[in-house]
Amino acid sequence: MEKHHLTPDNFDREGGVRHILRYEHGFGHDDLERAKGVVLKGIEHVEYKTKTTSGMGAHHFDTAMKYFKENPEGKAEWKKIPEHQRPHVEAALKQHFGISEPEQAAA
């Protein structure tokens, strides 16, 4: 897993989440800005829950996604991203952190 944290300052960094969303998922400027705003709210939540100011690390990914999918405030934020784009944002975060999907067992 990726060791560096995602912060409001490095979301836009070359090769960062913005780059992944733009060039690998085809997000336009408005979509990128919307996704950035939502992800930054997730980072704020993680920092609040963990009592830190170092952003969000790979080990915080589940905390952020739980916030977006279960917490009423987080759900409201997550719904700002169109439904068809949400999996792309989640995938970009996983890619940034080096989180891979578990292999499916062959039937």
PDB file of N, CA and C in Angstrom:
ATOM      1  N   MET A   1       0.840  -1.195   0.000  1.00  0.00           N
ATOM      2  CA  MET A   1       0.000   0.000   0.000  1.00  0.00           C
ATOM      3  C   MET A   1       0.874   1.244   0.000  1.00  0.00           C
ATOM      4  N   GLU A   2       0.337   2.293  -0.578  1.00  0.00           N
ATOM      5  CA  GLU A   2       1.049   3.567  -0.663  1.00  0.00           C
ATOM      6  C   GLU A   2       1.219   4.147   0.731  1.00  0.00           C
ATOM      7  N   LYS A   3       2.399   4.683   1.001  1.00  0.00           N
ATOM      8  CA  LYS A   3       2.689   5.185   2.340  1.00  0.00           C
ATOM      9  C   LYS A   3       2.316   6.654   2.528  1.00  0.00           C
ATOM     10  N   HIS A   4       2.303   7.454   1.459  1.00  0.00           N
ATOM     11  CA  HIS A   4       2.016   8.873   1.656  1.00  0.00           C
ATOM     12  C   HIS A   4       0.516   9.138   1.775  1.00  0.00           C
ATOM     13  N   HIS A   5       0.217  10.170   2.481  1.00  0.00           N
ATOM     14  CA  HIS A   5      -1.165  10.528   2.757  1.00  0.00           C
ATOM     15  C   HIS A   5      -1.720  11.439   1.680  1.00  0.00           C
ATOM     16  N   LEU A   6      -3.033  11.407   1.557  1.00  0.00           N
ATOM     17  CA  LEU A   6      -3.738  12.312   0.666  1.00  0.00           C
ATOM     18  C   LEU A   6      -4.173  13.507   1.495  1.00  0.00           C
ATOM     19  N   THR A   7      -3.759  14.690   1.073  1.00  0.00           N
ATOM     20  CA  THR A   7      -4.112  15.926   1.767  1.00  0.00           C
ATOM     21  C   THR A   7      -4.764  16.871   0.774  1.00  0.00           C
ATOM     22  N   PRO A   8      -5.406  17.924   1.278  1.00  0.00           N
ATOM     23  CA  PRO A   8      -5.970  18.914   0.351  1.00  0.00           C
ATOM     24  C   PRO A   8      -4.906  19.504  -0.580  1.00  0.00           C
ATOM     25  N   ASP A   9      -3.679  19.600  -0.104  1.00  0.00           N
ATOM     26  CA  ASP A   9      -2.619  20.191  -0.914  1.00  0.00           C
ATOM     27  C   ASP A   9      -2.094  19.271  -1.995  1.00  0.00           C
ATOM     28  N   ASN A  10      -2.136  17.956  -1.794  1.00  0.00           N
ATOM     29  CA  ASN A  10      -1.568  17.087  -2.820  1.00  0.00           C
ATOM     30  C   ASN A  10      -2.605  16.359  -3.670  1.00  0.00           C
ATOM     31  N   PHE A  11      -3.879  16.663  -3.522  1.00  0.00           N
ATOM     32  CA  PHE A  11      -4.918  16.087  -4.379  1.00  0.00           C
ATOM     33  C   PHE A  11      -4.615  16.405  -5.838  1.00  0.00           C
ATOM     34  N   ASP A  12      -4.154  17.627  -6.091  1.00  0.00           N
ATOM     35  CA  ASP A  12      -3.905  18.097  -7.455  1.00  0.00           C
ATOM     36  C   ASP A  12      -2.495  17.824  -7.950  1.00  0.00           C
ATOM     37  N   ARG A  13      -1.658  17.250  -7.130  1.00  0.00           N
ATOM     38  CA  ARG A  13      -0.260  16.998  -7.494  1.00  0.00           C
ATOM     39  C   ARG A  13      -0.171  16.097  -8.727  1.00  0.00           C
ATOM     40  N   GLU A  14       0.851  16.310  -9.531  1.00  0.00           N
ATOM     41  CA  GLU A  14       1.090  15.487 -10.721  1.00  0.00           C
ATOM     42  C   GLU A  14       1.081  14.008 -10.332  1.00  0.00           C
ATOM     43  N   GLY A  15       0.287  13.231 -11.018  1.00  0.00           N
ATOM     44  CA  GLY A  15       0.174  11.818 -10.717  1.00  0.00           C
ATOM     45  C   GLY A  15      -0.759  11.501  -9.570  1.00  0.00           C
ATOM     46  N   GLY A  16      -1.386  12.518  -8.991  1.00  0.00           N
ATOM     47  CA  GLY A  16      -2.280  12.328  -7.860  1.00  0.00           C
ATOM     48  C   GLY A  16      -3.690  11.930  -8.279  1.00  0.00           C
ATOM     49  N   VAL A  17      -4.611  12.058  -7.352  1.00  0.00           N
ATOM     50  CA  VAL A  17      -5.995  11.629  -7.586  1.00  0.00           C
ATOM     51  C   VAL A  17      -6.618  12.414  -8.738  1.00  0.00           C
ATOM     52  N   ARG A  18      -6.376  13.713  -8.797  1.00  0.00           N
ATOM     53  CA  ARG A  18      -6.930  14.520  -9.895  1.00  0.00           C
ATOM     54  C   ARG A  18      -6.434  13.988 -11.240  1.00  0.00           C
ATOM     55  N   HIS A  19      -5.154  13.690 -11.316  1.00  0.00           N
ATOM     56  CA  HIS A  19      -4.558  13.173 -12.548  1.00  0.00           C
ATOM     57  C   HIS A  19      -5.209  11.841 -12.937  1.00  0.00           C
ATOM     58  N   ILE A  20      -5.392  10.958 -11.960  1.00  0.00           N
ATOM     59  CA  ILE A  20      -6.015   9.654 -12.217  1.00  0.00           C
ATOM     60  C   ILE A  20      -7.436   9.844 -12.743  1.00  0.00           C
ATOM     61  N   LEU A  21      -8.214  10.707 -12.082  1.00  0.00           N
ATOM     62  CA  LEU A  21      -9.588  10.930 -12.511  1.00  0.00           C
ATOM     63  C   LEU A  21      -9.652  11.556 -13.901  1.00  0.00           C
ATOM     64  N   ARG A  22      -8.760  12.476 -14.180  1.00  0.00           N
ATOM     65  CA  ARG A  22      -8.771  13.180 -15.465  1.00  0.00           C
ATOM     66  C   ARG A  22      -8.347  12.273 -16.613  1.00  0.00           C
ATOM     67  N   TYR A  23      -7.201  11.637 -16.459  1.00  0.00           N
ATOM     68  CA  TYR A  23      -6.614  10.925 -17.584  1.00  0.00           C
ATOM     69  C   TYR A  23      -6.961   9.439 -17.665  1.00  0.00           C
ATOM     70  N   GLU A  24      -7.396   8.857 -16.567  1.00  0.00           N
ATOM     71  CA  GLU A  24      -7.757   7.445 -16.613  1.00  0.00           C
ATOM     72  C   GLU A  24      -9.265   7.209 -16.548  1.00  0.00           C
ATOM     73  N   HIS A  25      -9.995   8.216 -16.050  1.00  0.00           N
ATOM     74  CA  HIS A  25     -11.447   8.059 -15.926  1.00  0.00           C
ATOM     75  C   HIS A  25     -12.221   9.107 -16.727  1.00  0.00           C
ATOM     76  N   GLY A  26     -11.522  10.014 -17.393  1.00  0.00           N
ATOM     77  CA  GLY A  26     -12.157  10.960 -18.302  1.00  0.00           C
ATOM     78  C   GLY A  26     -12.978  12.069 -17.658  1.00  0.00           C
ATOM     79  N   PHE A  27     -12.684  12.429 -16.431  1.00  0.00           N
ATOM     80  CA  PHE A  27     -13.430  13.491 -15.770  1.00  0.00           C
ATOM     81  C   PHE A  27     -13.065  14.846 -16.378  1.00  0.00           C
ATOM     82  N   GLY A  28     -14.070  15.687 -16.592  1.00  0.00           N
ATOM     83  CA  GLY A  28     -13.857  17.060 -17.028  1.00  0.00           C
ATOM     84  C   GLY A  28     -13.598  17.966 -15.830  1.00  0.00           C
ATOM     85  N   HIS A  29     -13.338  19.229 -16.110  1.00  0.00           N
ATOM     86  CA  HIS A  29     -12.980  20.183 -15.050  1.00  0.00           C
ATOM     87  C   HIS A  29     -14.042  20.254 -13.948  1.00  0.00           C
ATOM     88  N   ASP A  30     -15.304  20.434 -14.322  1.00  0.00           N
ATOM     89  CA  ASP A  30     -16.363  20.548 -13.309  1.00  0.00           C
ATOM     90  C   ASP A  30     -16.485  19.275 -12.477  1.00  0.00           C
ATOM     91  N   ASP A  31     -16.370  18.127 -13.140  1.00  0.00           N
ATOM     92  CA  ASP A  31     -16.434  16.847 -12.422  1.00  0.00           C
ATOM     93  C   ASP A  31     -15.262  16.716 -11.453  1.00  0.00           C
ATOM     94  N   LEU A  32     -14.074  17.153 -11.880  1.00  0.00           N
ATOM     95  CA  LEU A  32     -12.889  17.089 -11.029  1.00  0.00           C
ATOM     96  C   LEU A  32     -13.044  17.967  -9.800  1.00  0.00           C
ATOM     97  N   GLU A  33     -13.542  19.164  -9.992  1.00  0.00           N
ATOM     98  CA  GLU A  33     -13.735  20.082  -8.867  1.00  0.00           C
ATOM     99  C   GLU A  33     -14.775  19.550  -7.891  1.00  0.00           C
ATOM    100  N   ARG A  34     -15.845  18.955  -8.416  1.00  0.00           N
ATOM    101  CA  ARG A  34     -16.877  18.367  -7.556  1.00  0.00           C
ATOM    102  C   ARG A  34     -16.280  17.207  -6.756  1.00  0.00           C
ATOM    103  N   ALA A  35     -15.557  16.320  -7.428  1.00  0.00           N
ATOM    104  CA  ALA A  35     -14.936  15.172  -6.753  1.00  0.00           C
ATOM    105  C   ALA A  35     -13.937  15.646  -5.706  1.00  0.00           C
ATOM    106  N   LYS A  36     -13.159  16.659  -6.036  1.00  0.00           N
ATOM    107  CA  LYS A  36     -12.175  17.182  -5.084  1.00  0.00           C
ATOM    108  C   LYS A  36     -12.871  17.684  -3.820  1.00  0.00           C
ATOM    109  N   GLY A  37     -13.939  18.446  -3.982  1.00  0.00           N
ATOM    110  CA  GLY A  37     -14.673  18.963  -2.825  1.00  0.00           C
ATOM    111  C   GLY A  37     -15.187  17.852  -1.924  1.00  0.00           C
ATOM    112  N   VAL A  38     -15.704  16.798  -2.532  1.00  0.00           N
ATOM    113  CA  VAL A  38     -16.239  15.674  -1.767  1.00  0.00           C
ATOM    114  C   VAL A  38     -15.104  14.922  -1.061  1.00  0.00           C
ATOM    115  N   VAL A  39     -14.038  14.642  -1.790  1.00  0.00           N
ATOM    116  CA  VAL A  39     -12.904  13.919  -1.194  1.00  0.00           C
ATOM    117  C   VAL A  39     -12.299  14.728  -0.051  1.00  0.00           C
ATOM    118  N   LEU A  40     -12.228  16.040  -0.205  1.00  0.00           N
ATOM    119  CA  LEU A  40     -11.683  16.879   0.869  1.00  0.00           C
ATOM    120  C   LEU A  40     -12.542  16.791   2.124  1.00  0.00           C
ATOM    121  N   LYS A  41     -13.848  16.669   1.964  1.00  0.00           N
ATOM    122  CA  LYS A  41     -14.735  16.470   3.123  1.00  0.00           C
ATOM    123  C   LYS A  41     -14.435  15.124   3.789  1.00  0.00           C
ATOM    124  N   GLY A  42     -14.147  14.119   2.990  1.00  0.00           N
ATOM    125  CA  GLY A  42     -13.758  12.818   3.537  1.00  0.00           C
ATOM    126  C   GLY A  42     -12.454  12.902   4.307  1.00  0.00           C
ATOM    127  N   ILE A  43     -11.499  13.669   3.775  1.00  0.00           N
ATOM    128  CA  ILE A  43     -10.223  13.861   4.465  1.00  0.00           C
ATOM    129  C   ILE A  43     -10.458  14.563   5.800  1.00  0.00           C
ATOM    130  N   GLU A  44     -11.299  15.592   5.798  1.00  0.00           N
ATOM    131  CA  GLU A  44     -11.624  16.295   7.049  1.00  0.00           C
ATOM    132  C   GLU A  44     -12.212  15.332   8.066  1.00  0.00           C
ATOM    133  N   HIS A  45     -13.115  14.469   7.620  1.00  0.00           N
ATOM    134  CA  HIS A  45     -13.737  13.504   8.524  1.00  0.00           C
ATOM    135  C   HIS A  45     -12.690  12.553   9.113  1.00  0.00           C
ATOM    136  N   VAL A  46     -11.810  12.050   8.261  1.00  0.00           N
ATOM    137  CA  VAL A  46     -10.762  11.132   8.722  1.00  0.00           C
ATOM    138  C   VAL A  46      -9.875  11.831   9.744  1.00  0.00           C
ATOM    139  N   GLU A  47      -9.487  13.063   9.463  1.00  0.00           N
ATOM    140  CA  GLU A  47      -8.636  13.799  10.401  1.00  0.00           C
ATOM    141  C   GLU A  47      -9.352  14.021  11.733  1.00  0.00           C
ATOM    142  N   TYR A  48     -10.635  14.322  11.682  1.00  0.00           N
ATOM    143  CA  TYR A  48     -11.412  14.513  12.902  1.00  0.00           C
ATOM    144  C   TYR A  48     -11.481  13.210  13.705  1.00  0.00           C
ATOM    145  N   LYS A  49     -11.808  12.102  13.011  1.00  0.00           N
ATOM    146  CA  LYS A  49     -11.951  10.816  13.692  1.00  0.00           C
ATOM    147  C   LYS A  49     -10.638  10.311  14.269  1.00  0.00           C
ATOM    148  N   THR A  50      -9.528  10.590  13.591  1.00  0.00           N
ATOM    149  CA  THR A  50      -8.230  10.073  14.027  1.00  0.00           C
ATOM    150  C   THR A  50      -7.437  11.101  14.821  1.00  0.00           C
ATOM    151  N   LYS A  51      -8.024  12.291  14.980  1.00  0.00           N
ATOM    152  CA  LYS A  51      -7.375  13.375  15.730  1.00  0.00           C
ATOM    153  C   LYS A  51      -5.966  13.663  15.199  1.00  0.00           C
ATOM    154  N   THR A  52      -5.888  13.825  13.881  1.00  0.00           N
ATOM    155  CA  THR A  52      -4.625  14.121  13.223  1.00  0.00           C
ATOM    156  C   THR A  52      -4.830  15.238  12.203  1.00  0.00           C
ATOM    157  N   THR A  53      -3.746  15.758  11.707  1.00  0.00           N
ATOM    158  CA  THR A  53      -3.823  16.772  10.645  1.00  0.00           C
ATOM    159  C   THR A  53      -2.953  16.360   9.457  1.00  0.00           C
ATOM    160  N   SER A  54      -2.652  15.073   9.383  1.00  0.00           N
ATOM    161  CA  SER A  54      -1.752  14.594   8.330  1.00  0.00           C
ATOM    162  C   SER A  54      -2.472  14.049   7.105  1.00  0.00           C
ATOM    163  N   GLY A  55      -3.755  14.280   6.989  1.00  0.00           N
ATOM    164  CA  GLY A  55      -4.499  13.812   5.824  1.00  0.00           C
ATOM    165  C   GLY A  55      -4.991  12.398   6.000  1.00  0.00           C
ATOM    166  N   MET A  56      -5.210  11.754   4.863  1.00  0.00           N
ATOM    167  CA  MET A  56      -5.785  10.415   4.844  1.00  0.00           C
ATOM    168  C   MET A  56      -4.787   9.457   4.224  1.00  0.00           C
ATOM    169  N   GLY A  57      -4.498   8.369   4.920  1.00  0.00           N
ATOM    170  CA  GLY A  57      -3.607   7.339   4.404  1.00  0.00           C
ATOM    171  C   GLY A  57      -4.402   6.145   3.926  1.00  0.00           C
ATOM    172  N   ALA A  58      -3.723   5.191   3.337  1.00  0.00           N
ATOM    173  CA  ALA A  58      -4.379   3.982   2.850  1.00  0.00           C
ATOM    174  C   ALA A  58      -5.143   3.277   3.971  1.00  0.00           C
ATOM    175  N   HIS A  59      -4.583   3.315   5.168  1.00  0.00           N
ATOM    176  CA  HIS A  59      -5.237   2.651   6.303  1.00  0.00           C
ATOM    177  C   HIS A  59      -6.497   3.380   6.763  1.00  0.00           C
ATOM    178  N   HIS A  60      -6.759   4.564   6.203  1.00  0.00           N
ATOM    179  CA  HIS A  60      -7.976   5.318   6.512  1.00  0.00           C
ATOM    180  C   HIS A  60      -9.044   5.164   5.435  1.00  0.00           C
ATOM    181  N   PHE A  61      -8.732   4.450   4.369  1.00  0.00           N
ATOM    182  CA  PHE A  61      -9.662   4.347   3.241  1.00  0.00           C
ATOM    183  C   PHE A  61     -11.031   3.840   3.677  1.00  0.00           C
ATOM    184  N   ASP A  62     -11.055   2.773   4.466  1.00  0.00           N
ATOM    185  CA  ASP A  62     -12.334   2.209   4.916  1.00  0.00           C
ATOM    186  C   ASP A  62     -13.123   3.200   5.768  1.00  0.00           C
ATOM    187  N   THR A  63     -12.424   3.984   6.587  1.00  0.00           N
ATOM    188  CA  THR A  63     -13.091   5.001   7.408  1.00  0.00           C
ATOM    189  C   THR A  63     -13.762   6.038   6.513  1.00  0.00           C
ATOM    190  N   ALA A  64     -13.059   6.469   5.479  1.00  0.00           N
ATOM    191  CA  ALA A  64     -13.618   7.468   4.562  1.00  0.00           C
ATOM    192  C   ALA A  64     -14.823   6.907   3.808  1.00  0.00           C
ATOM    193  N   MET A  65     -14.711   5.682   3.312  1.00  0.00           N
ATOM    194  CA  MET A  65     -15.827   5.112   2.548  1.00  0.00           C
ATOM    195  C   MET A  65     -17.032   4.835   3.448  1.00  0.00           C
ATOM    196  N   LYS A  66     -16.785   4.456   4.699  1.00  0.00           N
ATOM    197  CA  LYS A  66     -17.886   4.262   5.637  1.00  0.00           C
ATOM    198  C   LYS A  66     -18.599   5.604   5.863  1.00  0.00           C
ATOM    199  N   TYR A  67     -17.828   6.674   5.972  1.00  0.00           N
ATOM    200  CA  TYR A  67     -18.398   8.013   6.130  1.00  0.00           C
ATOM    201  C   TYR A  67     -19.295   8.341   4.940  1.00  0.00           C
ATOM    202  N   PHE A  68     -18.810   8.081   3.734  1.00  0.00           N
ATOM    203  CA  PHE A  68     -19.577   8.412   2.527  1.00  0.00           C
ATOM    204  C   PHE A  68     -20.808   7.542   2.345  1.00  0.00           C
ATOM    205  N   LYS A  69     -20.771   6.324   2.830  1.00  0.00           N
ATOM    206  CA  LYS A  69     -21.865   5.397   2.553  1.00  0.00           C
ATOM    207  C   LYS A  69     -22.820   5.175   3.720  1.00  0.00           C
ATOM    208  N   GLU A  70     -22.401   5.559   4.953  1.00  0.00           N
ATOM    209  CA  GLU A  70     -23.257   5.294   6.111  1.00  0.00           C
ATOM    210  C   GLU A  70     -23.604   6.531   6.928  1.00  0.00           C
ATOM    211  N   ASN A  71     -22.718   7.495   6.995  1.00  0.00           N
ATOM    212  CA  ASN A  71     -22.945   8.705   7.780  1.00  0.00           C
ATOM    213  C   ASN A  71     -23.859   9.652   6.996  1.00  0.00           C
ATOM    214  N   PRO A  72     -24.918  10.192   7.615  1.00  0.00           N
ATOM    215  CA  PRO A  72     -25.827  11.073   6.881  1.00  0.00           C
ATOM    216  C   PRO A  72     -25.130  12.265   6.217  1.00  0.00           C
ATOM    217  N   GLU A  73     -24.201  12.903   6.908  1.00  0.00           N
ATOM    218  CA  GLU A  73     -23.477  14.023   6.305  1.00  0.00           C
ATOM    219  C   GLU A  73     -22.606  13.540   5.152  1.00  0.00           C
ATOM    220  N   GLY A  74     -21.949  12.413   5.343  1.00  0.00           N
ATOM    221  CA  GLY A  74     -21.102  11.848   4.299  1.00  0.00           C
ATOM    222  C   GLY A  74     -21.895  11.419   3.080  1.00  0.00           C
ATOM    223  N   LYS A  75     -23.068  10.823   3.323  1.00  0.00           N
ATOM    224  CA  LYS A  75     -23.940  10.415   2.211  1.00  0.00           C
ATOM    225  C   LYS A  75     -24.342  11.623   1.379  1.00  0.00           C
ATOM    226  N   ALA A  76     -24.664  12.731   2.054  1.00  0.00           N
ATOM    227  CA  ALA A  76     -25.052  13.950   1.346  1.00  0.00           C
ATOM    228  C   ALA A  76     -23.902  14.441   0.468  1.00  0.00           C
ATOM    229  N   GLU A  77     -22.688  14.358   0.983  1.00  0.00           N
ATOM    230  CA  GLU A  77     -21.520  14.750   0.198  1.00  0.00           C
ATOM    231  C   GLU A  77     -21.338  13.810  -0.995  1.00  0.00           C
ATOM    232  N   TRP A  78     -21.376  12.510  -0.735  1.00  0.00           N
ATOM    233  CA  TRP A  78     -21.145  11.495  -1.761  1.00  0.00           C
ATOM    234  C   TRP A  78     -22.159  11.637  -2.896  1.00  0.00           C
ATOM    235  N   LYS A  79     -23.404  12.015  -2.550  1.00  0.00           N
ATOM    236  CA  LYS A  79     -24.451  12.161  -3.561  1.00  0.00           C
ATOM    237  C   LYS A  79     -24.239  13.381  -4.456  1.00  0.00           C
ATOM    238  N   LYS A  80     -23.296  14.242  -4.102  1.00  0.00           N
ATOM    239  CA  LYS A  80     -22.970  15.379  -4.978  1.00  0.00           C
ATOM    240  C   LYS A  80     -22.256  14.894  -6.240  1.00  0.00           C
ATOM    241  N   ILE A  81     -21.675  13.712  -6.154  1.00  0.00           N
ATOM    242  CA  ILE A  81     -21.030  13.104  -7.312  1.00  0.00           C
ATOM    243  C   ILE A  81     -22.085  12.258  -8.013  1.00  0.00           C
ATOM    244  N   PRO A  82     -22.261  12.436  -9.328  1.00  0.00           N
ATOM    245  CA  PRO A  82     -23.251  11.615 -10.034  1.00  0.00           C
ATOM    246  C   PRO A  82     -23.002  10.125  -9.804  1.00  0.00           C
ATOM    247  N   GLU A  83     -24.084   9.377  -9.702  1.00  0.00           N
ATOM    248  CA  GLU A  83     -24.006   7.956  -9.346  1.00  0.00           C
ATOM    249  C   GLU A  83     -23.048   7.166 -10.239  1.00  0.00           C
ATOM    250  N   HIS A  84     -23.041   7.462 -11.522  1.00  0.00           N
ATOM    251  CA  HIS A  84     -22.177   6.709 -12.435  1.00  0.00           C
ATOM    252  C   HIS A  84     -20.688   7.053 -12.269  1.00  0.00           C
ATOM    253  N   GLN A  85     -20.382   8.161 -11.573  1.00  0.00           N
ATOM    254  CA  GLN A  85     -18.991   8.557 -11.370  1.00  0.00           C
ATOM    255  C   GLN A  85     -18.432   8.102 -10.015  1.00  0.00           C
ATOM    256  N   ARG A  86     -19.292   7.738  -9.090  1.00  0.00           N
ATOM    257  CA  ARG A  86     -18.835   7.349  -7.750  1.00  0.00           C
ATOM    258  C   ARG A  86     -17.856   6.170  -7.766  1.00  0.00           C
ATOM    259  N   PRO A  87     -18.129   5.116  -8.550  1.00  0.00           N
ATOM    260  CA  PRO A  87     -17.156   4.018  -8.585  1.00  0.00           C
ATOM    261  C   PRO A  87     -15.781   4.467  -9.113  1.00  0.00           C
ATOM    262  N   HIS A  88     -15.773   5.458  -9.994  1.00  0.00           N
ATOM    263  CA  HIS A  88     -14.519   5.966 -10.532  1.00  0.00           C
ATOM    264  C   HIS A  88     -13.719   6.707  -9.454  1.00  0.00           C
ATOM    265  N   VAL A  89     -14.415   7.468  -8.627  1.00  0.00           N
ATOM    266  CA  VAL A  89     -13.735   8.179  -7.544  1.00  0.00           C
ATOM    267  C   VAL A  89     -13.164   7.175  -6.548  1.00  0.00           C
ATOM    268  N   GLU A  90     -13.961   6.186  -6.196  1.00  0.00           N
ATOM    269  CA  GLU A  90     -13.490   5.154  -5.269  1.00  0.00           C
ATOM    270  C   GLU A  90     -12.286   4.416  -5.861  1.00  0.00           C
ATOM    271  N   ALA A  91     -12.353   4.084  -7.140  1.00  0.00           N
ATOM    272  CA  ALA A  91     -11.240   3.381  -7.802  1.00  0.00           C
ATOM    273  C   ALA A  91      -9.987   4.244  -7.853  1.00  0.00           C
ATOM    274  N   ALA A  92     -10.149   5.545  -8.091  1.00  0.00           N
ATOM    275  CA  ALA A  92      -8.997   6.450  -8.143  1.00  0.00           C
ATOM    276  C   ALA A  92      -8.325   6.555  -6.776  1.00  0.00           C
ATOM    277  N   LEU A  93      -9.122   6.595  -5.725  1.00  0.00           N
ATOM    278  CA  LEU A  93      -8.558   6.629  -4.373  1.00  0.00           C
ATOM    279  C   LEU A  93      -7.800   5.333  -4.089  1.00  0.00           C
ATOM    280  N   LYS A  94      -8.394   4.209  -4.453  1.00  0.00           N
ATOM    281  CA  LYS A  94      -7.718   2.928  -4.239  1.00  0.00           C
ATOM    282  C   LYS A  94      -6.408   2.884  -5.017  1.00  0.00           C
ATOM    283  N   GLN A  95      -6.438   3.361  -6.245  1.00  0.00           N
ATOM    284  CA  GLN A  95      -5.219   3.366  -7.050  1.00  0.00           C
ATOM    285  C   GLN A  95      -4.156   4.254  -6.423  1.00  0.00           C
ATOM    286  N   HIS A  96      -4.568   5.429  -5.954  1.00  0.00           N
ATOM    287  CA  HIS A  96      -3.632   6.353  -5.322  1.00  0.00           C
ATOM    288  C   HIS A  96      -2.941   5.703  -4.128  1.00  0.00           C
ATOM    289  N   PHE A  97      -3.703   4.963  -3.348  1.00  0.00           N
ATOM    290  CA  PHE A  97      -3.169   4.338  -2.144  1.00  0.00           C
ATOM    291  C   PHE A  97      -2.549   2.967  -2.387  1.00  0.00           C
ATOM    292  N   GLY A  98      -2.671   2.462  -3.617  1.00  0.00           N
ATOM    293  CA  GLY A  98      -2.118   1.153  -3.912  1.00  0.00           C
ATOM    294  C   GLY A  98      -2.932   0.017  -3.329  1.00  0.00           C
ATOM    295  N   ILE A  99      -4.218   0.245  -3.157  1.00  0.00           N
ATOM    296  CA  ILE A  99      -5.122  -0.782  -2.631  1.00  0.00           C
ATOM    297  C   ILE A  99      -5.634  -1.603  -3.801  1.00  0.00           C
ATOM    298  N   SER A 100      -5.386  -2.900  -3.777  1.00  0.00           N
ATOM    299  CA  SER A 100      -5.856  -3.746  -4.865  1.00  0.00           C
ATOM    300  C   SER A 100      -7.093  -4.507  -4.419  1.00  0.00           C
ATOM    301  N   GLU A 101      -7.886  -4.859  -5.414  1.00  0.00           N
ATOM    302  CA  GLU A 101      -9.086  -5.636  -5.138  1.00  0.00           C
ATOM    303  C   GLU A 101      -8.682  -7.059  -4.797  1.00  0.00           C
ATOM    304  N   PRO A 102      -9.345  -7.695  -3.851  1.00  0.00           N
ATOM    305  CA  PRO A 102      -9.026  -9.098  -3.553  1.00  0.00           C
ATOM    306  C   PRO A 102      -9.323  -9.964  -4.777  1.00  0.00           C
ATOM    307  N   GLU A 103      -8.473 -10.947  -4.999  1.00  0.00           N
ATOM    308  CA  GLU A 103      -8.667 -11.855  -6.132  1.00  0.00           C
ATOM    309  C   GLU A 103      -9.927 -12.695  -5.907  1.00  0.00           C
ATOM    310  N   GLN A 104     -10.698 -12.865  -6.973  1.00  0.00           N
ATOM    311  CA  GLN A 104     -11.884 -13.701  -6.893  1.00  0.00           C
ATOM    312  C   GLN A 104     -11.461 -15.162  -7.053  1.00  0.00           C
ATOM    313  N   ALA A 105     -11.952 -16.004  -6.202  1.00  0.00           N
ATOM    314  CA  ALA A 105     -11.632 -17.440  -6.293  1.00  0.00           C
ATOM    315  C   ALA A 105     -12.312 -18.021  -7.528  1.00  0.00           C
ATOM    316  N   ALA A 106     -11.603 -18.810  -8.268  1.00  0.00           N
ATOM    317  CA  ALA A 106     -12.178 -19.455  -9.459  1.00  0.00           C
ATOM    318  C   ALA A 106     -13.178 -20.509  -9.022  1.00  0.00           C
ATOM    319  N   ALA A 107     -14.318 -20.517  -9.705  1.00  0.00           N
ATOM    320  CA  ALA A 107     -15.375 -21.475  -9.330  1.00  0.00           C
ATOM    321  C   ALA A 107     -15.145 -22.816  -9.953  1.00  0.00           C
TER     322      ALA A 107
END
